Amino acid sequence: MTRLSFKTGQTILVGIANDDGDSSNVSSVTASLRRQGRTQVLAMSATPRAATDSVPEGWNLTLLEGAADPGMYELDARVRVGGADIVTDTLMIEIVRAVTPRAP
């Protein structure tokens, strides 16, 4: 299982690829971050991402800075295609305390 680490105060930005390369049949993309052992989820925004030379077409999933406390989280996304949901593999996100506090 993939695991990414972010510091408190950082914007969490994770990209997911569109494996078939055709977004015209995708009606929505939703994603959430859930702290392990808890039921509350933090909704992430999903914005389309165009393909570049090194990055395939897909979506950027974003959670704004400071929205999550330190701890281990699980992230998954649901891509709605033709009335059916495709759920991504779970991605582990670790949020650790920043060593240097943020300026007021």
PDB file of N, CA and C in Angstrom:
ATOM      1  N   MET A   1       0.853  -1.177   0.000  1.00  0.00           N
ATOM      2  CA  MET A   1       0.000   0.000   0.000  1.00  0.00           C
ATOM      3  C   MET A   1       0.898   1.239   0.000  1.00  0.00           C
ATOM      4  N   THR A   2       0.588   2.176  -0.872  1.00  0.00           N
ATOM      5  CA  THR A   2       1.376   3.395  -0.978  1.00  0.00           C
ATOM      6  C   THR A   2       1.122   4.305   0.214  1.00  0.00           C
ATOM      7  N   ARG A   3       2.188   4.977   0.677  1.00  0.00           N
ATOM      8  CA  ARG A   3       2.085   5.874   1.829  1.00  0.00           C
ATOM      9  C   ARG A   3       2.823   7.166   1.511  1.00  0.00           C
ATOM     10  N   LEU A   4       2.142   8.293   1.707  1.00  0.00           N
ATOM     11  CA  LEU A   4       2.741   9.603   1.511  1.00  0.00           C
ATOM     12  C   LEU A   4       2.757  10.346   2.833  1.00  0.00           C
ATOM     13  N   SER A   5       3.706  11.261   2.984  1.00  0.00           N
ATOM     14  CA  SER A   5       3.820  12.017   4.224  1.00  0.00           C
ATOM     15  C   SER A   5       3.762  13.512   3.928  1.00  0.00           C
ATOM     16  N   PHE A   6       2.996  14.234   4.741  1.00  0.00           N
ATOM     17  CA  PHE A   6       2.875  15.684   4.658  1.00  0.00           C
ATOM     18  C   PHE A   6       3.069  16.260   6.051  1.00  0.00           C
ATOM     19  N   LYS A   7       3.447  17.525   6.113  1.00  0.00           N
ATOM     20  CA  LYS A   7       3.583  18.217   7.399  1.00  0.00           C
ATOM     21  C   LYS A   7       2.308  19.008   7.689  1.00  0.00           C
ATOM     22  N   THR A   8       2.019  19.237   8.984  1.00  0.00           N
ATOM     23  CA  THR A   8       0.868  20.061   9.330  1.00  0.00           C
ATOM     24  C   THR A   8       1.027  21.413   8.646  1.00  0.00           C
ATOM     25  N   GLY A   9      -0.068  21.935   8.155  1.00  0.00           N
ATOM     26  CA  GLY A   9      -0.040  23.216   7.472  1.00  0.00           C
ATOM     27  C   GLY A   9       0.194  23.124   5.982  1.00  0.00           C
ATOM     28  N   GLN A  10       0.635  21.964   5.497  1.00  0.00           N
ATOM     29  CA  GLN A  10       0.832  21.796   4.056  1.00  0.00           C
ATOM     30  C   GLN A  10      -0.492  21.501   3.371  1.00  0.00           C
ATOM     31  N   THR A  11      -0.626  21.975   2.142  1.00  0.00           N
ATOM     32  CA  THR A  11      -1.756  21.569   1.317  1.00  0.00           C
ATOM     33  C   THR A  11      -1.484  20.151   0.825  1.00  0.00           C
ATOM     34  N   ILE A  12      -2.452  19.273   0.989  1.00  0.00           N
ATOM     35  CA  ILE A  12      -2.310  17.899   0.516  1.00  0.00           C
ATOM     36  C   ILE A  12      -2.787  17.876  -0.933  1.00  0.00           C
ATOM     37  N   LEU A  13      -1.901  17.486  -1.836  1.00  0.00           N
ATOM     38  CA  LEU A  13      -2.215  17.416  -3.255  1.00  0.00           C
ATOM     39  C   LEU A  13      -1.773  16.051  -3.777  1.00  0.00           C
ATOM     40  N   VAL A  14      -2.728  15.280  -4.279  1.00  0.00           N
ATOM     41  CA  VAL A  14      -2.463  13.943  -4.794  1.00  0.00           C
ATOM     42  C   VAL A  14      -3.120  13.837  -6.167  1.00  0.00           C
ATOM     43  N   GLY A  15      -2.399  13.320  -7.132  1.00  0.00           N
ATOM     44  CA  GLY A  15      -2.955  13.143  -8.466  1.00  0.00           C
ATOM     45  C   GLY A  15      -3.382  11.710  -8.713  1.00  0.00           C
ATOM     46  N   ILE A  16      -4.494  11.543  -9.421  1.00  0.00           N
ATOM     47  CA  ILE A  16      -4.886  10.207  -9.875  1.00  0.00           C
ATOM     48  C   ILE A  16      -4.996  10.255 -11.398  1.00  0.00           C
ATOM     49  N   ALA A  17      -4.591   9.194 -12.028  1.00  0.00           N
ATOM     50  CA  ALA A  17      -4.572   9.137 -13.490  1.00  0.00           C
ATOM     51  C   ALA A  17      -5.866   8.542 -14.022  1.00  0.00           C
ATOM     52  N   ASN A  18      -6.242   8.985 -15.200  1.00  0.00           N
ATOM     53  CA  ASN A  18      -7.359   8.385 -15.912  1.00  0.00           C
ATOM     54  C   ASN A  18      -6.766   7.292 -16.790  1.00  0.00           C
ATOM     55  N   ASP A  19      -6.893   6.046 -16.367  1.00  0.00           N
ATOM     56  CA  ASP A  19      -6.230   4.933 -17.047  1.00  0.00           C
ATOM     57  C   ASP A  19      -6.678   4.721 -18.482  1.00  0.00           C
ATOM     58  N   ASP A  20      -7.950   5.023 -18.786  1.00  0.00           N
ATOM     59  CA  ASP A  20      -8.384   4.806 -20.169  1.00  0.00           C
ATOM     60  C   ASP A  20      -8.175   6.035 -21.050  1.00  0.00           C
ATOM     61  N   GLY A  21      -7.789   7.164 -20.444  1.00  0.00           N
ATOM     62  CA  GLY A  21      -7.446   8.352 -21.208  1.00  0.00           C
ATOM     63  C   GLY A  21      -8.605   9.121 -21.801  1.00  0.00           C
ATOM     64  N   ASP A  22      -9.848   8.751 -21.489  1.00  0.00           N
ATOM     65  CA  ASP A  22     -11.008   9.449 -22.029  1.00  0.00           C
ATOM     66  C   ASP A  22     -11.907   9.888 -20.886  1.00  0.00           C
ATOM     67  N   SER A  23     -11.855  11.175 -20.551  1.00  0.00           N
ATOM     68  CA  SER A  23     -12.654  11.684 -19.435  1.00  0.00           C
ATOM     69  C   SER A  23     -14.083  12.011 -19.825  1.00  0.00           C
ATOM     70  N   SER A  24     -14.433  11.903 -21.093  1.00  0.00           N
ATOM     71  CA  SER A  24     -15.780  12.273 -21.535  1.00  0.00           C
ATOM     72  C   SER A  24     -16.856  11.380 -20.921  1.00  0.00           C
ATOM     73  N   ASN A  25     -16.508  10.161 -20.523  1.00  0.00           N
ATOM     74  CA  ASN A  25     -17.491   9.259 -19.927  1.00  0.00           C
ATOM     75  C   ASN A  25     -17.505   9.315 -18.397  1.00  0.00           C
ATOM     76  N   VAL A  26     -16.699  10.196 -17.801  1.00  0.00           N
ATOM     77  CA  VAL A  26     -16.650  10.350 -16.341  1.00  0.00           C
ATOM     78  C   VAL A  26     -17.593  11.479 -15.943  1.00  0.00           C
ATOM     79  N   SER A  27     -18.596  11.174 -15.095  1.00  0.00           N
ATOM     80  CA  SER A  27     -19.549  12.205 -14.686  1.00  0.00           C
ATOM     81  C   SER A  27     -19.143  12.913 -13.405  1.00  0.00           C
ATOM     82  N   SER A  28     -18.340  12.273 -12.543  1.00  0.00           N
ATOM     83  CA  SER A  28     -17.887  12.940 -11.318  1.00  0.00           C
ATOM     84  C   SER A  28     -16.711  12.193 -10.701  1.00  0.00           C
ATOM     85  N   VAL A  29     -15.942  12.946  -9.917  1.00  0.00           N
ATOM     86  CA  VAL A  29     -14.852  12.382  -9.130  1.00  0.00           C
ATOM     87  C   VAL A  29     -14.984  12.957  -7.730  1.00  0.00           C
ATOM     88  N   THR A  30     -15.069  12.097  -6.728  1.00  0.00           N
ATOM     89  CA  THR A  30     -15.114  12.543  -5.335  1.00  0.00           C
ATOM     90  C   THR A  30     -14.012  11.832  -4.572  1.00  0.00           C
ATOM     91  N   ALA A  31     -13.510  12.502  -3.543  1.00  0.00           N
ATOM     92  CA  ALA A  31     -12.442  11.905  -2.738  1.00  0.00           C
ATOM     93  C   ALA A  31     -12.582  12.370  -1.300  1.00  0.00           C
ATOM     94  N   SER A  32     -12.123  11.530  -0.388  1.00  0.00           N
ATOM     95  CA  SER A  32     -12.159  11.905   1.024  1.00  0.00           C
ATOM     96  C   SER A  32     -10.968  11.320   1.753  1.00  0.00           C
ATOM     97  N   LEU A  33     -10.672  11.966   2.864  1.00  0.00           N
ATOM     98  CA  LEU A  33      -9.576  11.570   3.735  1.00  0.00           C
ATOM     99  C   LEU A  33     -10.205  11.226   5.081  1.00  0.00           C
ATOM    100  N   ARG A  34      -9.913  10.033   5.597  1.00  0.00           N
ATOM    101  CA  ARG A  34     -10.477   9.605   6.884  1.00  0.00           C
ATOM    102  C   ARG A  34      -9.341   9.197   7.800  1.00  0.00           C
ATOM    103  N   ARG A  35      -9.347   9.766   9.004  1.00  0.00           N
ATOM    104  CA  ARG A  35      -8.337   9.390   9.982  1.00  0.00           C
ATOM    105  C   ARG A  35      -8.587   7.961  10.431  1.00  0.00           C
ATOM    106  N   GLN A  36      -7.521   7.175  10.534  1.00  0.00           N
ATOM    107  CA  GLN A  36      -7.673   5.773  10.945  1.00  0.00           C
ATOM    108  C   GLN A  36      -8.350   5.697  12.305  1.00  0.00           C
ATOM    109  N   GLY A  37      -9.314   4.792  12.414  1.00  0.00           N
ATOM    110  CA  GLY A  37     -10.024   4.581  13.665  1.00  0.00           C
ATOM    111  C   GLY A  37     -11.152   5.568  13.906  1.00  0.00           C
ATOM    112  N   ARG A  38     -11.418   6.448  12.971  1.00  0.00           N
ATOM    113  CA  ARG A  38     -12.482   7.439  13.115  1.00  0.00           C
ATOM    114  C   ARG A  38     -13.476   7.287  11.968  1.00  0.00           C
ATOM    115  N   THR A  39     -14.672   7.836  12.154  1.00  0.00           N
ATOM    116  CA  THR A  39     -15.677   7.757  11.101  1.00  0.00           C
ATOM    117  C   THR A  39     -15.818   9.060  10.316  1.00  0.00           C
ATOM    118  N   GLN A  40     -15.424  10.180  10.905  1.00  0.00           N
ATOM    119  CA  GLN A  40     -15.544  11.476  10.228  1.00  0.00           C
ATOM    120  C   GLN A  40     -14.588  11.540   9.034  1.00  0.00           C
ATOM    121  N   VAL A  41     -15.076  12.077   7.930  1.00  0.00           N
ATOM    122  CA  VAL A  41     -14.232  12.222   6.744  1.00  0.00           C
ATOM    123  C   VAL A  41     -14.060  13.694   6.389  1.00  0.00           C
ATOM    124  N   LEU A  42     -12.953  13.996   5.751  1.00  0.00           N
ATOM    125  CA  LEU A  42     -12.670  15.329   5.244  1.00  0.00           C
ATOM    126  C   LEU A  42     -12.792  15.257   3.720  1.00  0.00           C
ATOM    127  N   ALA A  43     -13.702  16.018   3.160  1.00  0.00           N
ATOM    128  CA  ALA A  43     -13.895  16.000   1.715  1.00  0.00           C
ATOM    129  C   ALA A  43     -12.748  16.725   1.025  1.00  0.00           C
ATOM    130  N   MET A  44     -12.289  16.174  -0.067  1.00  0.00           N
ATOM    131  CA  MET A  44     -11.235  16.780  -0.859  1.00  0.00           C
ATOM    132  C   MET A  44     -11.852  17.314  -2.144  1.00  0.00           C
ATOM    133  N   SER A  45     -11.262  18.366  -2.688  1.00  0.00           N
ATOM    134  CA  SER A  45     -11.740  18.842  -3.986  1.00  0.00           C
ATOM    135  C   SER A  45     -11.037  18.052  -5.079  1.00  0.00           C
ATOM    136  N   ALA A  46     -11.738  17.834  -6.179  1.00  0.00           N
ATOM    137  CA  ALA A  46     -11.183  17.110  -7.321  1.00  0.00           C
ATOM    138  C   ALA A  46     -11.301  18.002  -8.549  1.00  0.00           C
ATOM    139  N   THR A  47     -10.161  18.305  -9.171  1.00  0.00           N
ATOM    140  CA  THR A  47     -10.164  19.147 -10.362  1.00  0.00           C
ATOM    141  C   THR A  47      -9.501  18.394 -11.512  1.00  0.00           C
ATOM    142  N   PRO A  48     -10.046  18.532 -12.723  1.00  0.00           N
ATOM    143  CA  PRO A  48      -9.464  17.840 -13.877  1.00  0.00           C
ATOM    144  C   PRO A  48      -8.034  18.315 -14.135  1.00  0.00           C
ATOM    145  N   ARG A  49      -7.217  17.396 -14.624  1.00  0.00           N
ATOM    146  CA  ARG A  49      -5.819  17.695 -14.943  1.00  0.00           C
ATOM    147  C   ARG A  49      -5.544  17.233 -16.367  1.00  0.00           C
ATOM    148  N   ALA A  50      -5.063  18.139 -17.204  1.00  0.00           N
ATOM    149  CA  ALA A  50      -4.730  17.791 -18.585  1.00  0.00           C
ATOM    150  C   ALA A  50      -3.424  17.001 -18.617  1.00  0.00           C
ATOM    151  N   ALA A  51      -3.277  16.198 -19.646  1.00  0.00           N
ATOM    152  CA  ALA A  51      -2.044  15.421 -19.821  1.00  0.00           C
ATOM    153  C   ALA A  51      -0.901  16.341 -20.232  1.00  0.00           C
ATOM    154  N   THR A  52       0.295  16.000 -19.770  1.00  0.00           N
ATOM    155  CA  THR A  52       1.524  16.668 -20.199  1.00  0.00           C
ATOM    156  C   THR A  52       2.468  15.575 -20.682  1.00  0.00           C
ATOM    157  N   ASP A  53       3.686  15.950 -21.025  1.00  0.00           N
ATOM    158  CA  ASP A  53       4.661  14.946 -21.481  1.00  0.00           C
ATOM    159  C   ASP A  53       4.930  13.886 -20.423  1.00  0.00           C
ATOM    160  N   SER A  54       4.920  14.287 -19.136  1.00  0.00           N
ATOM    161  CA  SER A  54       5.309  13.349 -18.078  1.00  0.00           C
ATOM    162  C   SER A  54       4.156  12.926 -17.164  1.00  0.00           C
ATOM    163  N   VAL A  55       2.977  13.551 -17.317  1.00  0.00           N
ATOM    164  CA  VAL A  55       1.852  13.261 -16.424  1.00  0.00           C
ATOM    165  C   VAL A  55       0.620  12.932 -17.266  1.00  0.00           C
ATOM    166  N   PRO A  56      -0.022  11.772 -17.001  1.00  0.00           N
ATOM    167  CA  PRO A  56      -1.215  11.428 -17.776  1.00  0.00           C
ATOM    168  C   PRO A  56      -2.418  12.284 -17.370  1.00  0.00           C
ATOM    169  N   GLU A  57      -3.417  12.308 -18.237  1.00  0.00           N
ATOM    170  CA  GLU A  57      -4.670  12.979 -17.917  1.00  0.00           C
ATOM    171  C   GLU A  57      -5.230  12.366 -16.636  1.00  0.00           C
ATOM    172  N   GLY A  58      -5.920  13.178 -15.849  1.00  0.00           N
ATOM    173  CA  GLY A  58      -6.517  12.661 -14.622  1.00  0.00           C
ATOM    174  C   GLY A  58      -7.110  13.782 -13.801  1.00  0.00           C
ATOM    175  N   TRP A  59      -6.954  13.682 -12.486  1.00  0.00           N
ATOM    176  CA  TRP A  59      -7.522  14.661 -11.564  1.00  0.00           C
ATOM    177  C   TRP A  59      -6.542  14.921 -10.439  1.00  0.00           C
ATOM    178  N   ASN A  60      -6.565  16.153  -9.945  1.00  0.00           N
ATOM    179  CA  ASN A  60      -5.806  16.513  -8.747  1.00  0.00           C
ATOM    180  C   ASN A  60      -6.781  16.552  -7.582  1.00  0.00           C
ATOM    181  N   LEU A  61      -6.447  15.842  -6.522  1.00  0.00           N
ATOM    182  CA  LEU A  61      -7.245  15.816  -5.303  1.00  0.00           C
ATOM    183  C   LEU A  61      -6.542  16.716  -4.295  1.00  0.00           C
ATOM    184  N   THR A  62      -7.278  17.670  -3.710  1.00  0.00           N
ATOM    185  CA  THR A  62      -6.651  18.664  -2.844  1.00  0.00           C
ATOM    186  C   THR A  62      -7.403  18.799  -1.535  1.00  0.00           C
ATOM    187  N   LEU A  63      -6.649  18.915  -0.443  1.00  0.00           N
ATOM    188  CA  LEU A  63      -7.182  19.278   0.868  1.00  0.00           C
ATOM    189  C   LEU A  63      -6.354  20.463   1.315  1.00  0.00           C
ATOM    190  N   LEU A  64      -7.012  21.582   1.595  1.00  0.00           N
ATOM    191  CA  LEU A  64      -6.289  22.808   1.901  1.00  0.00           C
ATOM    192  C   LEU A  64      -5.503  22.712   3.195  1.00  0.00           C
ATOM    193  N   GLU A  65      -4.462  23.519   3.271  1.00  0.00           N
ATOM    194  CA  GLU A  65      -3.546  23.496   4.410  1.00  0.00           C
ATOM    195  C   GLU A  65      -4.280  23.664   5.731  1.00  0.00           C
ATOM    196  N   GLY A  66      -3.819  22.942   6.717  1.00  0.00           N
ATOM    197  CA  GLY A  66      -4.335  23.072   8.070  1.00  0.00           C
ATOM    198  C   GLY A  66      -5.650  22.372   8.336  1.00  0.00           C
ATOM    199  N   ALA A  67      -6.196  21.661   7.361  1.00  0.00           N
ATOM    200  CA  ALA A  67      -7.506  21.039   7.539  1.00  0.00           C
ATOM    201  C   ALA A  67      -7.444  19.735   8.326  1.00  0.00           C
ATOM    202  N   ALA A  68      -6.266  19.137   8.452  1.00  0.00           N
ATOM    203  CA  ALA A  68      -6.151  17.838   9.125  1.00  0.00           C
ATOM    204  C   ALA A  68      -5.084  17.900  10.220  1.00  0.00           C
ATOM    205  N   ASP A  69      -5.391  17.283  11.347  1.00  0.00           N
ATOM    206  CA  ASP A  69      -4.441  17.187  12.460  1.00  0.00           C
ATOM    207  C   ASP A  69      -3.426  16.084  12.182  1.00  0.00           C
ATOM    208  N   PRO A  70      -2.299  16.085  12.911  1.00  0.00           N
ATOM    209  CA  PRO A  70      -1.326  15.011  12.733  1.00  0.00           C
ATOM    210  C   PRO A  70      -1.956  13.638  12.988  1.00  0.00           C
ATOM    211  N   GLY A  71      -1.512  12.652  12.215  1.00  0.00           N
ATOM    212  CA  GLY A  71      -2.013  11.292  12.367  1.00  0.00           C
ATOM    213  C   GLY A  71      -1.963  10.545  11.046  1.00  0.00           C
ATOM    214  N   MET A  72      -2.461   9.312  11.064  1.00  0.00           N
ATOM    215  CA  MET A  72      -2.522   8.469   9.867  1.00  0.00           C
ATOM    216  C   MET A  72      -3.933   8.553   9.282  1.00  0.00           C
ATOM    217  N   TYR A  73      -3.999   8.729   7.975  1.00  0.00           N
ATOM    218  CA  TYR A  73      -5.262   8.874   7.270  1.00  0.00           C
ATOM    219  C   TYR A  73      -5.316   7.910   6.093  1.00  0.00           C
ATOM    220  N   GLU A  74      -6.524   7.592   5.666  1.00  0.00           N
ATOM    221  CA  GLU A  74      -6.743   6.791   4.469  1.00  0.00           C
ATOM    222  C   GLU A  74      -7.454   7.670   3.448  1.00  0.00           C
ATOM    223  N   LEU A  75      -6.990   7.638   2.223  1.00  0.00           N
ATOM    224  CA  LEU A  75      -7.594   8.413   1.143  1.00  0.00           C
ATOM    225  C   LEU A  75      -8.092   7.455   0.076  1.00  0.00           C
ATOM    226  N   ASP A  76      -9.315   7.661  -0.356  1.00  0.00           N
ATOM    227  CA  ASP A  76      -9.756   6.964  -1.555  1.00  0.00           C
ATOM    228  C   ASP A  76     -10.620   7.898  -2.381  1.00  0.00           C
ATOM    229  N   ALA A  77     -10.711   7.604  -3.660  1.00  0.00           N
ATOM    230  CA  ALA A  77     -11.496   8.409  -4.584  1.00  0.00           C
ATOM    231  C   ALA A  77     -12.485   7.504  -5.296  1.00  0.00           C
ATOM    232  N   ARG A  78     -13.611   8.095  -5.679  1.00  0.00           N
ATOM    233  CA  ARG A  78     -14.632   7.387  -6.451  1.00  0.00           C
ATOM    234  C   ARG A  78     -14.806   8.124  -7.776  1.00  0.00           C
ATOM    235  N   VAL A  79     -14.615   7.381  -8.842  1.00  0.00           N
ATOM    236  CA  VAL A  79     -14.773   7.922 -10.184  1.00  0.00           C
ATOM    237  C   VAL A  79     -16.067   7.333 -10.748  1.00  0.00           C
ATOM    238  N   ARG A  80     -17.022   8.198 -11.064  1.00  0.00           N
ATOM    239  CA  ARG A  80     -18.320   7.744 -11.576  1.00  0.00           C
ATOM    240  C   ARG A  80     -18.262   7.685 -13.102  1.00  0.00           C
ATOM    241  N   VAL A  81     -18.432   6.464 -13.614  1.00  0.00           N
ATOM    242  CA  VAL A  81     -18.357   6.225 -15.059  1.00  0.00           C
ATOM    243  C   VAL A  81     -19.621   5.484 -15.479  1.00  0.00           C
ATOM    244  N   GLY A  82     -20.419   6.115 -16.324  1.00  0.00           N
ATOM    245  CA  GLY A  82     -21.619   5.451 -16.844  1.00  0.00           C
ATOM    246  C   GLY A  82     -22.549   4.936 -15.774  1.00  0.00           C
ATOM    247  N   GLY A  83     -22.706   5.646 -14.671  1.00  0.00           N
ATOM    248  CA  GLY A  83     -23.620   5.237 -13.612  1.00  0.00           C
ATOM    249  C   GLY A  83     -23.023   4.281 -12.597  1.00  0.00           C
ATOM    250  N   ALA A  84     -21.783   3.858 -12.776  1.00  0.00           N
ATOM    251  CA  ALA A  84     -21.123   2.952 -11.819  1.00  0.00           C
ATOM    252  C   ALA A  84     -19.930   3.661 -11.193  1.00  0.00           C
ATOM    253  N   ASP A  85     -19.663   3.350  -9.932  1.00  0.00           N
ATOM    254  CA  ASP A  85     -18.524   3.925  -9.223  1.00  0.00           C
ATOM    255  C   ASP A  85     -17.321   3.003  -9.292  1.00  0.00           C
ATOM    256  N   ILE A  86     -16.192   3.567  -9.631  1.00  0.00           N
ATOM    257  CA  ILE A  86     -14.917   2.861  -9.556  1.00  0.00           C
ATOM    258  C   ILE A  86     -14.170   3.466  -8.379  1.00  0.00           C
ATOM    259  N   VAL A  87     -13.791   2.637  -7.410  1.00  0.00           N
ATOM    260  CA  VAL A  87     -13.102   3.115  -6.217  1.00  0.00           C
ATOM    261  C   VAL A  87     -11.617   2.834  -6.366  1.00  0.00           C
ATOM    262  N   THR A  88     -10.805   3.866  -6.130  1.00  0.00           N
ATOM    263  CA  THR A  88      -9.358   3.695  -6.233  1.00  0.00           C
ATOM    264  C   THR A  88      -8.841   2.856  -5.074  1.00  0.00           C
ATOM    265  N   ASP A  89      -7.642   2.330  -5.217  1.00  0.00           N
ATOM    266  CA  ASP A  89      -6.980   1.674  -4.095  1.00  0.00           C
ATOM    267  C   ASP A  89      -6.763   2.714  -3.003  1.00  0.00           C
ATOM    268  N   THR A  90      -6.807   2.270  -1.759  1.00  0.00           N
ATOM    269  CA  THR A  90      -6.600   3.182  -0.639  1.00  0.00           C
ATOM    270  C   THR A  90      -5.150   3.628  -0.588  1.00  0.00           C
ATOM    271  N   LEU A  91      -4.970   4.902  -0.335  1.00  0.00           N
ATOM    272  CA  LEU A  91      -3.650   5.506  -0.200  1.00  0.00           C
ATOM    273  C   LEU A  91      -3.498   5.963   1.240  1.00  0.00           C
ATOM    274  N   MET A  92      -2.410   5.597   1.879  1.00  0.00           N
ATOM    275  CA  MET A  92      -2.161   6.019   3.255  1.00  0.00           C
ATOM    276  C   MET A  92      -1.484   7.386   3.237  1.00  0.00           C
ATOM    277  N   ILE A  93      -1.989   8.294   4.059  1.00  0.00           N
ATOM    278  CA  ILE A  93      -1.438   9.632   4.199  1.00  0.00           C
ATOM    279  C   ILE A  93      -1.045   9.818   5.663  1.00  0.00           C
ATOM    280  N   GLU A  94       0.205  10.178   5.889  1.00  0.00           N
ATOM    281  CA  GLU A  94       0.659  10.485   7.243  1.00  0.00           C
ATOM    282  C   GLU A  94       0.871  11.988   7.338  1.00  0.00           C
ATOM    283  N   ILE A  95       0.262  12.592   8.356  1.00  0.00           N
ATOM    284  CA  ILE A  95       0.475  14.014   8.593  1.00  0.00           C
ATOM    285  C   ILE A  95       1.266  14.132   9.895  1.00  0.00           C
ATOM    286  N   VAL A  96       2.440  14.754   9.781  1.00  0.00           N
ATOM    287  CA  VAL A  96       3.337  14.890  10.939  1.00  0.00           C
ATOM    288  C   VAL A  96       3.446  16.359  11.315  1.00  0.00           C
ATOM    289  N   ARG A  97       3.772  16.610  12.564  1.00  0.00           N
ATOM    290  CA  ARG A  97       3.951  17.986  13.032  1.00  0.00           C
ATOM    291  C   ARG A  97       5.162  18.613  12.351  1.00  0.00           C
ATOM    292  N   ALA A  98       4.996  19.852  11.939  1.00  0.00           N
ATOM    293  CA  ALA A  98       6.125  20.591  11.365  1.00  0.00           C
ATOM    294  C   ALA A  98       7.072  20.972  12.494  1.00  0.00           C
ATOM    295  N   VAL A  99       8.367  20.923  12.224  1.00  0.00           N
ATOM    296  CA  VAL A  99       9.356  21.276  13.228  1.00  0.00           C
ATOM    297  C   VAL A  99       9.329  22.776  13.495  1.00  0.00           C
ATOM    298  N   THR A 100       9.213  23.557  12.436  1.00  0.00           N
ATOM    299  CA  THR A 100       9.168  25.004  12.579  1.00  0.00           C
ATOM    300  C   THR A 100       7.724  25.456  12.548  1.00  0.00           C
ATOM    301  N   PRO A 101       7.276  26.154  13.590  1.00  0.00           N
ATOM    302  CA  PRO A 101       5.879  26.593  13.599  1.00  0.00           C
ATOM    303  C   PRO A 101       5.607  27.619  12.494  1.00  0.00           C
ATOM    304  N   ARG A 102       4.371  27.659  12.050  1.00  0.00           N
ATOM    305  CA  ARG A 102       3.972  28.635  11.045  1.00  0.00           C
ATOM    306  C   ARG A 102       3.963  30.021  11.639  1.00  0.00           C
ATOM    307  N   ALA A 103       4.281  31.008  10.812  1.00  0.00           N
ATOM    308  CA  ALA A 103       4.261  32.412  11.249  1.00  0.00           C
ATOM    309  C   ALA A 103       2.818  32.833  11.495  1.00  0.00           C
ATOM    310  N   PRO A 104       2.600  33.704  12.486  1.00  0.00           N
ATOM    311  CA  PRO A 104       1.217  34.141  12.771  1.00  0.00           C
ATOM    312  C   PRO A 104       0.644  34.987  11.655  1.00  0.00           C
TER     313      PRO A 104
END
